Amino acid sequence: MIEKAEILEKNEYIVYSIISKYTYYFDKDDLYQVGMIGLINALNNYKNNKNTKFSSYAYFYVLGEVTKYIRESNILKVSKDLVK
């Protein structure tokens, strides 16, 4: 059986692919840490009995954590409903 650390290492590319478009505006290390939190959350919530690859499942967790970090790090707080 594959350990959780191995799964995280194999899917680390998801974090890098998502944060690559934001590194000009935000610190790369902070984005990486937030992305890895999303990857860990995806790993903890993933159910293997569904017909979904882990990378597809984890993509939305990582994207959600990164966008939440970006939204909350703005100086001016705007409602999530107003930002589209």
N, C-alpha and C. Protein backbone atom coordinates (compact mmCIF):
# COMPACT_ATOMS: atom_id res chain seq x y z
N MET A 1 0.84 -1.18 0.00
CA MET A 1 0.00 0.00 0.00
C MET A 1 0.88 1.25 0.00
N ILE A 2 0.48 2.24 -0.76
CA ILE A 2 1.26 3.47 -0.88
C ILE A 2 1.00 4.34 0.35
N GLU A 3 2.08 4.89 0.91
CA GLU A 3 1.95 5.76 2.07
C GLU A 3 1.46 7.13 1.65
N LYS A 4 0.91 7.86 2.62
CA LYS A 4 0.37 9.19 2.35
C LYS A 4 1.46 10.14 1.87
N ALA A 5 2.65 10.03 2.42
CA ALA A 5 3.75 10.91 2.01
C ALA A 5 4.09 10.71 0.54
N GLU A 6 4.05 9.47 0.08
CA GLU A 6 4.34 9.18 -1.32
C GLU A 6 3.27 9.77 -2.23
N ILE A 7 2.02 9.67 -1.81
CA ILE A 7 0.92 10.22 -2.61
C ILE A 7 1.06 11.74 -2.71
N LEU A 8 1.44 12.38 -1.61
CA LEU A 8 1.63 13.83 -1.63
C LEU A 8 2.78 14.23 -2.56
N GLU A 9 3.87 13.48 -2.51
CA GLU A 9 5.01 13.77 -3.38
C GLU A 9 4.66 13.57 -4.85
N LYS A 10 3.92 12.52 -5.16
CA LYS A 10 3.55 12.24 -6.55
C LYS A 10 2.61 13.30 -7.13
N ASN A 11 1.80 13.92 -6.27
CA ASN A 11 0.81 14.88 -6.73
C ASN A 11 1.16 16.32 -6.40
N GLU A 12 2.38 16.54 -6.03
CA GLU A 12 2.85 17.89 -5.72
C GLU A 12 2.80 18.81 -6.95
N TYR A 13 2.86 18.21 -8.13
CA TYR A 13 2.82 19.00 -9.35
C TYR A 13 1.50 19.77 -9.48
N ILE A 14 0.43 19.27 -8.88
CA ILE A 14 -0.85 19.96 -8.92
C ILE A 14 -0.72 21.32 -8.24
N VAL A 15 -0.05 21.34 -7.11
CA VAL A 15 0.14 22.59 -6.37
C VAL A 15 0.95 23.57 -7.22
N TYR A 16 2.04 23.10 -7.79
CA TYR A 16 2.88 23.98 -8.60
C TYR A 16 2.15 24.50 -9.83
N SER A 17 1.32 23.67 -10.44
CA SER A 17 0.61 24.13 -11.64
C SER A 17 -0.42 25.21 -11.29
N ILE A 18 -1.05 25.12 -10.13
CA ILE A 18 -2.05 26.11 -9.74
C ILE A 18 -1.40 27.41 -9.28
N ILE A 19 -0.35 27.31 -8.48
CA ILE A 19 0.25 28.53 -7.94
C ILE A 19 1.12 29.27 -8.94
N SER A 20 1.44 28.64 -10.06
CA SER A 20 2.34 29.28 -11.03
C SER A 20 1.80 30.60 -11.57
N LYS A 21 0.50 30.73 -11.67
CA LYS A 21 -0.05 31.98 -12.21
C LYS A 21 -0.17 33.09 -11.18
N TYR A 22 0.06 32.78 -9.90
CA TYR A 22 -0.07 33.78 -8.85
C TYR A 22 1.25 34.18 -8.21
N THR A 23 2.36 33.57 -8.60
CA THR A 23 3.63 33.82 -7.93
C THR A 23 4.16 35.23 -8.17
N TYR A 24 3.70 35.89 -9.20
CA TYR A 24 4.14 37.26 -9.45
C TYR A 24 3.54 38.22 -8.42
N TYR A 25 2.35 37.91 -7.93
CA TYR A 25 1.64 38.79 -7.02
C TYR A 25 1.78 38.39 -5.55
N PHE A 26 2.00 37.12 -5.28
CA PHE A 26 2.07 36.62 -3.91
C PHE A 26 3.35 35.81 -3.74
N ASP A 27 3.75 35.63 -2.48
CA ASP A 27 4.96 34.88 -2.17
C ASP A 27 4.78 33.41 -2.53
N LYS A 28 5.73 32.86 -3.25
CA LYS A 28 5.64 31.48 -3.75
C LYS A 28 5.59 30.48 -2.59
N ASP A 29 6.36 30.72 -1.53
CA ASP A 29 6.38 29.79 -0.40
C ASP A 29 5.03 29.76 0.31
N ASP A 30 4.41 30.92 0.47
CA ASP A 30 3.10 30.96 1.12
C ASP A 30 2.06 30.24 0.28
N LEU A 31 2.08 30.47 -1.02
CA LEU A 31 1.14 29.79 -1.91
C LEU A 31 1.36 28.28 -1.89
N TYR A 32 2.62 27.87 -1.85
CA TYR A 32 2.94 26.44 -1.81
C TYR A 32 2.38 25.80 -0.54
N GLN A 33 2.58 26.46 0.59
CA GLN A 33 2.09 25.90 1.85
C GLN A 33 0.57 25.78 1.85
N VAL A 34 -0.10 26.81 1.35
CA VAL A 34 -1.56 26.78 1.29
C VAL A 34 -2.02 25.69 0.33
N GLY A 35 -1.34 25.55 -0.78
CA GLY A 35 -1.68 24.50 -1.74
C GLY A 35 -1.49 23.11 -1.16
N MET A 36 -0.43 22.92 -0.39
CA MET A 36 -0.19 21.62 0.23
C MET A 36 -1.25 21.31 1.29
N ILE A 37 -1.75 22.33 1.97
CA ILE A 37 -2.85 22.12 2.92
C ILE A 37 -4.07 21.59 2.16
N GLY A 38 -4.35 22.18 1.01
CA GLY A 38 -5.45 21.69 0.19
C GLY A 38 -5.23 20.26 -0.27
N LEU A 39 -4.00 19.92 -0.62
CA LEU A 39 -3.67 18.57 -1.06
C LEU A 39 -3.85 17.56 0.09
N ILE A 40 -3.44 17.96 1.28
CA ILE A 40 -3.60 17.09 2.45
C ILE A 40 -5.08 16.90 2.77
N ASN A 41 -5.86 17.99 2.69
CA ASN A 41 -7.30 17.87 2.92
C ASN A 41 -7.95 16.95 1.90
N ALA A 42 -7.52 17.05 0.66
CA ALA A 42 -8.05 16.17 -0.38
C ALA A 42 -7.71 14.71 -0.09
N LEU A 43 -6.49 14.46 0.36
CA LEU A 43 -6.07 13.10 0.67
C LEU A 43 -6.87 12.53 1.84
N ASN A 44 -7.16 13.35 2.83
CA ASN A 44 -7.93 12.89 3.99
C ASN A 44 -9.39 12.62 3.65
N ASN A 45 -9.94 13.32 2.66
CA ASN A 45 -11.35 13.17 2.32
C ASN A 45 -11.61 12.27 1.11
N TYR A 46 -10.56 11.81 0.47
CA TYR A 46 -10.70 11.02 -0.76
C TYR A 46 -11.21 9.62 -0.45
N LYS A 47 -12.21 9.21 -1.20
CA LYS A 47 -12.74 7.85 -1.10
C LYS A 47 -12.38 7.11 -2.38
N ASN A 48 -11.65 6.03 -2.25
CA ASN A 48 -11.14 5.30 -3.40
C ASN A 48 -12.22 4.51 -4.13
N ASN A 49 -13.38 4.30 -3.49
CA ASN A 49 -14.42 3.49 -4.12
C ASN A 49 -15.18 4.24 -5.21
N LYS A 50 -14.98 5.53 -5.34
CA LYS A 50 -15.60 6.29 -6.42
C LYS A 50 -14.74 6.15 -7.68
N ASN A 51 -15.31 6.44 -8.83
CA ASN A 51 -14.56 6.33 -10.09
C ASN A 51 -13.91 7.66 -10.45
N THR A 52 -13.12 8.19 -9.55
CA THR A 52 -12.44 9.47 -9.77
C THR A 52 -10.96 9.30 -9.44
N LYS A 53 -10.11 9.81 -10.32
CA LYS A 53 -8.67 9.79 -10.02
C LYS A 53 -8.39 10.78 -8.90
N PHE A 54 -7.38 10.47 -8.09
CA PHE A 54 -7.05 11.36 -6.98
C PHE A 54 -6.63 12.74 -7.46
N SER A 55 -5.88 12.80 -8.55
CA SER A 55 -5.40 14.09 -9.03
C SER A 55 -6.57 14.99 -9.45
N SER A 56 -7.58 14.43 -10.06
CA SER A 56 -8.76 15.21 -10.44
C SER A 56 -9.51 15.68 -9.22
N TYR A 57 -9.60 14.83 -8.22
CA TYR A 57 -10.28 15.17 -6.98
C TYR A 57 -9.51 16.25 -6.22
N ALA A 58 -8.19 16.11 -6.17
CA ALA A 58 -7.36 17.03 -5.38
C ALA A 58 -7.25 18.41 -6.02
N TYR A 59 -7.37 18.48 -7.33
CA TYR A 59 -7.23 19.76 -8.03
C TYR A 59 -8.15 20.82 -7.45
N PHE A 60 -9.40 20.46 -7.21
CA PHE A 60 -10.36 21.44 -6.73
C PHE A 60 -10.13 21.81 -5.26
N TYR A 61 -9.61 20.90 -4.47
CA TYR A 61 -9.25 21.23 -3.09
C TYR A 61 -8.10 22.24 -3.07
N VAL A 62 -7.08 21.99 -3.87
CA VAL A 62 -5.92 22.88 -3.91
C VAL A 62 -6.34 24.25 -4.45
N LEU A 63 -7.09 24.25 -5.53
CA LEU A 63 -7.56 25.50 -6.12
C LEU A 63 -8.40 26.29 -5.12
N GLY A 64 -9.25 25.60 -4.39
CA GLY A 64 -10.09 26.26 -3.39
C GLY A 64 -9.28 26.89 -2.28
N GLU A 65 -8.27 26.19 -1.78
CA GLU A 65 -7.43 26.74 -0.71
C GLU A 65 -6.63 27.94 -1.20
N VAL A 66 -6.09 27.86 -2.40
CA VAL A 66 -5.29 28.97 -2.93
C VAL A 66 -6.16 30.21 -3.17
N THR A 67 -7.33 30.02 -3.77
CA THR A 67 -8.20 31.17 -4.02
C THR A 67 -8.73 31.76 -2.71
N LYS A 68 -8.96 30.92 -1.71
CA LYS A 68 -9.39 31.42 -0.40
C LYS A 68 -8.28 32.27 0.22
N TYR A 69 -7.03 31.80 0.12
CA TYR A 69 -5.90 32.56 0.64
C TYR A 69 -5.77 33.90 -0.07
N ILE A 70 -5.90 33.90 -1.39
CA ILE A 70 -5.78 35.14 -2.16
C ILE A 70 -6.90 36.10 -1.80
N ARG A 71 -8.11 35.58 -1.68
CA ARG A 71 -9.26 36.42 -1.35
C ARG A 71 -9.11 37.03 0.04
N GLU A 72 -8.62 36.25 1.00
CA GLU A 72 -8.50 36.73 2.38
C GLU A 72 -7.27 37.61 2.61
N SER A 73 -6.31 37.57 1.71
CA SER A 73 -5.10 38.37 1.90
C SER A 73 -5.22 39.77 1.31
N ASN A 74 -6.32 40.07 0.65
CA ASN A 74 -6.51 41.41 0.11
C ASN A 74 -6.71 42.42 1.23
N ILE A 75 -6.25 43.63 1.01
CA ILE A 75 -6.40 44.70 2.00
C ILE A 75 -7.87 45.10 2.11
N LEU A 76 -8.50 45.24 0.98
CA LEU A 76 -9.91 45.61 0.94
C LEU A 76 -10.75 44.34 0.93
N LYS A 77 -11.59 44.19 1.94
CA LYS A 77 -12.43 43.00 2.03
C LYS A 77 -13.69 43.18 1.21
N VAL A 78 -13.91 42.28 0.26
CA VAL A 78 -15.07 42.30 -0.61
C VAL A 78 -15.79 40.98 -0.44
N SER A 79 -17.11 41.03 -0.43
CA SER A 79 -17.89 39.83 -0.28
C SER A 79 -17.61 38.86 -1.42
N LYS A 80 -17.62 37.57 -1.12
CA LYS A 80 -17.37 36.54 -2.12
C LYS A 80 -18.45 36.57 -3.20
N ASP A 81 -19.66 36.97 -2.84
CA ASP A 81 -20.74 37.03 -3.80
C ASP A 81 -20.53 38.12 -4.86
N LEU A 82 -19.81 39.18 -4.49
CA LEU A 82 -19.58 40.28 -5.42
C LEU A 82 -18.44 40.02 -6.39
N VAL A 83 -17.49 39.19 -5.99
CA VAL A 83 -16.33 38.87 -6.82
C VAL A 83 -16.68 37.70 -7.72
N LYS A 84 -16.54 37.89 -9.04
CA LYS A 84 -16.87 36.81 -9.96
C LYS A 84 -15.76 36.53 -10.90
